[in-house]
Amino acid sequence: MLVAVYGSLKRGYGNYHVMENAQGDFISEGVTKETFDMNGSGFPYIIKNPKGFPVKVEVFEVQDIQPLDWLEGNPTFYKREKQKILFEDGVEIEAWIYIYQGSIEANEELLENNIYTWKETFC
C-alpha cells in the first residue's frame, strides 16, 4: 500500500518512528496533483481547496497501515483518502494521504515555488 506523507511522518521528523513501525519503505518524493490549503502548529494540516496549491510529499510503501491510522486519528481527525501524486520524472501514482477533517486558514509562509512544503522549523 502506498502512502504519501507531508509532515511529522517524513524521514527525519518527530513521528518517523511510527512510519518505521508501519514497515514503510521510502519510494520517492512528489507533489499532490490536487490542490490544498496547509497550516498547523507542531504538525501540519491540509484541506482540499481548488484554489490552493499542491503539497510536497514523501511516498512510502507501507506493510501495516494501522500504526499510521492510529497516529492520524483516521477517520475522525484526519481521513485517509486516495490522491494522485506526481513524481519529478513525470510518473503519476495513486497513494493514500491524510486530510484534516476540520477547517483551517492557509499559511502562505509554507509555500515554496507555489508548492506547500512542511519545513523542519515548523515541526
Foldseek 3Di string as FASTA:
>chain_A
DKAWEFWQCDPPHDNVVLQVVQVWDWDAKWKFPFFWFWDDALIIATAGDNPHFIAITIMTDGNHCVSVCVVCVPPQAWHWDWTWTAGPVGDIDIHIYTHGPDDDDHDCVQDDPRYRHDDRVRD
